[in-house]
Amino acid sequence: MNHDSYDDAYISSILNSTKTIAMVGASSNKVRPSYFVLKYLLEKGFDVIPVNPGHAGKEFLGQRVYASLSDIPREVDMVDIFRNSQAAGPITGEAIKIGAKTIWMQLTVRNDEAAARAEAAGLRVVMNRCPKIEYGRLSGEIGWMGVNSRTLSSKRGRLSGNRMQSLLIDKSS
């Protein structure tokens, strides 16, 4: 797979099929990107599990924090890596062991060797992207919020029950 460019259908299929996300490198610091991505994904209906060994046993945004992926007592669909590119290698190995379906490396995080191992094990991989940004872009929320989407339209996106735009993903099944 070409990890320099992703087809919208590929990103959308990952977001539409993901229910549970383990966020490695989650933070309780409100000014850190991992905090507001955690908050955003929770608001969109994802089950987000913070992973941070320094805060294991605590709670971030009402979610119990785990020390490692292997400590999580339920299935994980996607592992969102908020660590550096070098750390993505061991995290990917642990994600393969727990049976995750997707490895998502955040903005500026890229590890081609880890990606190759994950793909060889049957996992989908996204590198150097943010699920919050991709969700907002694909749902039209970013354009609705006034960010240039390169599309001129007078139509607003559909609103979910909580008056927020979303991909209208059914998280109940």
Protein backbone atom coordinates (compact mmCIF):
# COMPACT_ATOMS: atom_id res chain seq x y z
CA MET A 1 0.00 0.00 0.00
CA ASN A 2 1.11 3.53 -0.72
CA HIS A 3 1.26 5.27 2.65
CA ASP A 4 1.91 8.68 1.13
CA SER A 5 -1.70 8.98 -0.01
CA TYR A 6 -4.90 7.31 1.15
CA ASP A 7 -8.12 6.96 -0.77
CA ASP A 8 -11.11 8.49 1.03
CA ALA A 9 -12.94 5.16 0.77
CA TYR A 10 -10.11 3.42 2.67
CA ILE A 11 -10.14 5.97 5.52
CA SER A 12 -13.94 6.00 5.62
CA SER A 13 -14.13 2.19 5.76
CA ILE A 14 -11.80 2.19 8.76
CA LEU A 15 -13.78 4.87 10.60
CA ASN A 16 -17.11 3.24 9.77
CA SER A 17 -16.04 -0.22 10.97
CA THR A 18 -14.23 0.93 14.13
CA LYS A 19 -16.04 0.87 17.45
CA THR A 20 -13.24 0.57 20.03
CA ILE A 21 -10.05 2.63 19.88
CA ALA A 22 -7.05 2.20 22.19
CA MET A 23 -5.22 5.54 22.28
CA VAL A 24 -1.57 4.96 23.20
CA GLY A 25 -0.05 8.15 24.57
CA ALA A 26 -3.35 9.65 25.76
CA SER A 27 -3.04 12.63 28.07
CA SER A 28 -5.22 14.34 30.68
CA ASN A 29 -3.58 17.68 29.83
CA LYS A 30 -6.29 19.75 28.15
CA VAL A 31 -3.85 21.50 25.80
CA ARG A 32 -2.33 18.29 24.39
CA PRO A 33 -3.62 17.06 21.02
CA SER A 34 -4.18 13.56 22.44
CA TYR A 35 -6.63 15.03 24.98
CA PHE A 36 -8.83 16.83 22.48
CA VAL A 37 -8.70 13.94 20.00
CA LEU A 38 -9.79 11.61 22.83
CA LYS A 39 -12.62 13.98 23.75
CA TYR A 40 -13.74 14.43 20.13
CA LEU A 41 -13.80 10.70 19.35
CA LEU A 42 -15.77 10.00 22.54
CA GLU A 43 -18.29 12.66 21.49
CA LYS A 44 -18.63 10.94 18.12
CA GLY A 45 -19.63 7.67 19.78
CA PHE A 46 -16.38 5.73 19.70
CA ASP A 47 -15.36 3.68 22.74
CA VAL A 48 -11.91 5.19 23.37
CA ILE A 49 -9.55 3.55 25.84
CA PRO A 50 -6.63 5.70 27.05
CA VAL A 51 -3.28 3.90 27.33
CA ASN A 52 -0.58 5.63 29.37
CA PRO A 53 1.62 3.68 31.82
CA GLY A 54 2.25 6.77 33.97
CA HIS A 55 -1.49 7.18 34.62
CA ALA A 56 -2.69 3.56 34.74
CA GLY A 57 -5.73 3.12 36.97
CA LYS A 58 -6.76 6.78 36.73
CA GLU A 59 -9.50 8.15 34.50
CA PHE A 60 -9.35 10.55 31.56
CA LEU A 61 -12.74 11.97 30.56
CA GLY A 62 -14.46 9.18 32.48
CA GLN A 63 -12.44 6.44 30.74
CA ARG A 64 -10.18 4.12 32.74
CA VAL A 65 -6.51 4.42 31.75
CA TYR A 66 -4.50 1.24 31.11
CA ALA A 67 -0.73 0.78 31.27
CA SER A 68 -0.48 -1.23 28.02
CA LEU A 69 -2.56 -2.67 25.23
CA SER A 70 -2.33 -6.14 26.74
CA ASP A 71 -3.96 -4.86 29.96
CA ILE A 72 -7.18 -3.89 28.16
CA PRO A 73 -9.85 -6.49 29.05
CA ARG A 74 -11.86 -6.22 25.82
CA GLU A 75 -11.36 -6.32 22.07
CA VAL A 76 -9.77 -3.33 20.37
CA ASP A 77 -10.54 -2.46 16.75
CA MET A 78 -8.00 0.31 16.26
CA VAL A 79 -4.79 1.36 18.01
CA ASP A 80 -4.21 5.11 17.67
CA ILE A 81 -0.52 5.86 18.29
CA PHE A 82 0.24 9.24 19.88
CA ARG A 83 3.91 8.43 20.37
CA ASN A 84 7.01 9.02 18.23
CA SER A 85 7.84 7.00 15.12
CA GLN A 86 10.40 4.82 16.90
CA ALA A 87 7.89 3.86 19.63
CA ALA A 88 5.37 2.88 16.94
CA GLY A 89 7.38 -0.30 16.27
CA PRO A 90 6.89 -2.01 19.66
CA ILE A 91 3.34 -0.67 19.96
CA THR A 92 2.51 -2.22 16.59
CA GLY A 93 3.89 -5.56 17.78
CA GLU A 94 1.66 -5.42 20.86
CA ALA A 95 -1.34 -4.41 18.71
CA ILE A 96 -0.80 -7.45 16.50
CA LYS A 97 -0.65 -9.69 19.60
CA ILE A 98 -3.98 -8.40 20.99
CA GLY A 99 -5.75 -8.84 17.64
CA ALA A 100 -6.35 -5.21 16.70
CA LYS A 101 -7.67 -4.66 13.17
CA THR A 102 -6.10 -1.26 12.44
CA ILE A 103 -2.94 0.64 13.33
CA TRP A 104 -3.35 4.41 13.07
CA MET A 105 -0.21 6.52 13.51
CA GLN A 106 -0.89 10.16 14.31
CA LEU A 107 0.39 13.22 12.46
CA THR A 108 4.22 13.14 12.08
CA VAL A 109 4.33 9.46 13.11
CA ARG A 110 5.58 7.11 10.42
CA ASN A 111 7.26 3.73 10.76
CA ASP A 112 7.37 1.81 7.47
CA GLU A 113 8.83 -1.33 9.05
CA ALA A 114 6.01 -1.46 11.63
CA ALA A 115 3.46 -0.83 8.88
CA ALA A 116 4.85 -3.72 6.82
CA ARG A 117 4.66 -6.06 9.86
CA ALA A 118 1.09 -4.98 10.58
CA GLU A 119 -0.02 -5.44 6.98
CA ALA A 120 1.66 -8.85 6.83
CA ALA A 121 -0.43 -9.79 9.90
CA GLY A 122 -3.61 -8.61 8.13
CA LEU A 123 -4.07 -5.23 9.81
CA ARG A 124 -4.98 -2.02 8.02
CA VAL A 125 -2.50 0.83 8.49
CA VAL A 126 -2.73 4.62 8.36
CA MET A 127 0.32 6.79 9.03
CA ASN A 128 0.81 10.53 9.49
CA ARG A 129 -2.92 11.24 9.77
CA CYS A 130 -5.32 12.16 12.57
CA PRO A 131 -8.64 10.33 12.92
CA LYS A 132 -10.24 13.50 14.30
CA ILE A 133 -9.24 15.49 11.24
CA GLU A 134 -10.18 12.70 8.84
CA TYR A 135 -13.57 12.19 10.51
CA GLY A 136 -14.28 15.91 10.36
CA ARG A 137 -13.15 16.14 6.74
CA LEU A 138 -15.14 13.13 5.54
CA SER A 139 -18.29 14.08 7.47
CA GLY A 140 -18.20 17.62 6.10
CA GLU A 141 -17.91 18.97 9.63
CA ILE A 142 -14.65 20.79 8.89
CA GLY A 143 -16.21 22.62 5.94
CA TRP A 144 -19.30 23.36 8.03
CA MET A 145 -17.11 24.90 10.72
CA GLY A 146 -15.70 27.34 8.15
CA VAL A 147 -12.51 25.59 7.09
CA ASN A 148 -11.81 25.69 3.38
CA SER A 149 -12.95 22.35 1.99
CA ARG A 150 -12.28 23.27 -1.66
CA THR A 151 -16.00 22.68 -2.30
CA LEU A 152 -18.57 25.41 -2.80
CA SER A 153 -22.02 24.41 -1.64
CA SER A 154 -24.99 25.95 0.10
CA LYS A 155 -25.94 22.57 1.56
CA ARG A 156 -25.18 21.82 5.19
CA GLY A 157 -24.26 18.37 6.35
CA ARG A 158 -26.82 16.23 8.18
CA LEU A 159 -26.96 16.75 11.92
CA SER A 160 -26.96 13.85 14.34
CA GLY A 161 -29.33 13.73 17.32
CA ASN A 162 -27.03 15.90 19.42
CA ARG A 163 -27.02 18.67 16.77
CA MET A 164 -23.47 17.82 15.67
CA GLN A 165 -22.45 16.81 12.18
CA SER A 166 -21.17 13.27 11.97
CA LEU A 167 -20.67 10.40 9.59
CA LEU A 168 -23.88 9.10 11.19
CA ILE A 169 -22.13 5.86 12.05
CA ASP A 170 -24.33 3.33 13.82
CA LYS A 171 -22.34 2.45 16.97
CA SER A 172 -25.18 0.37 18.44
CA SER A 173 -24.36 -2.89 16.65
